[in-house]
Amino acid sequence: MEGLLQPTHLFFILLIVLIIFGPGKLPDLGRGLGKGFREFKDALRGGMGGESEKKPTIKVTVNPAAATVPVNASQQFNASISGTANSAVTWSVNGVNGGSSVAGTISGSGLYTAPSAVPSPDRVTVTATSAADGWESVSAEVTITSA
């Protein structure tokens, strides 16, 4: 046995994680691990400082939090950022920046345009992500209906 973390071992560990959590939870698991690593790295970089040295918490909110949009129609979403002077956000639909023809598209100003046909499933997720901190985001659920 040469070492514990051989490629075949890593493959089986990944397979077990996939079976336990399912493919739908892997992005959330990865996001959580990434945030944990980033906080650990920040703690090492900043030492064991007190609360006064903590950077402000960035919070993203989106309005409306849910919407029903007919095919080919549009819905304006607005994002608010607190905890930073940088109020810019990036918009995505179902995890794709700017969206797609299947799930609908969203402009840089938050104008969502539904696709020309109801997708399956008929719900998509519109997400606003802080440009100041790419980990901070909030989502809204959009239900697509036939005209």
Foldseek 3Di string as FASTA:
>chain_A
DPDCDDPVNVVVVVVVVCVVQPPVCVVVVVLVVVVVVVVVVVCVVVPPDDPVPDQFDKAKDKPPQEEEEEAQGKDAMAMAIPRDPQGAWFKEKQPHTQYDLQQFGADSRRITTGHNDQHVVQKIKMKIAGPVDRSHIGIHIYGYDHD
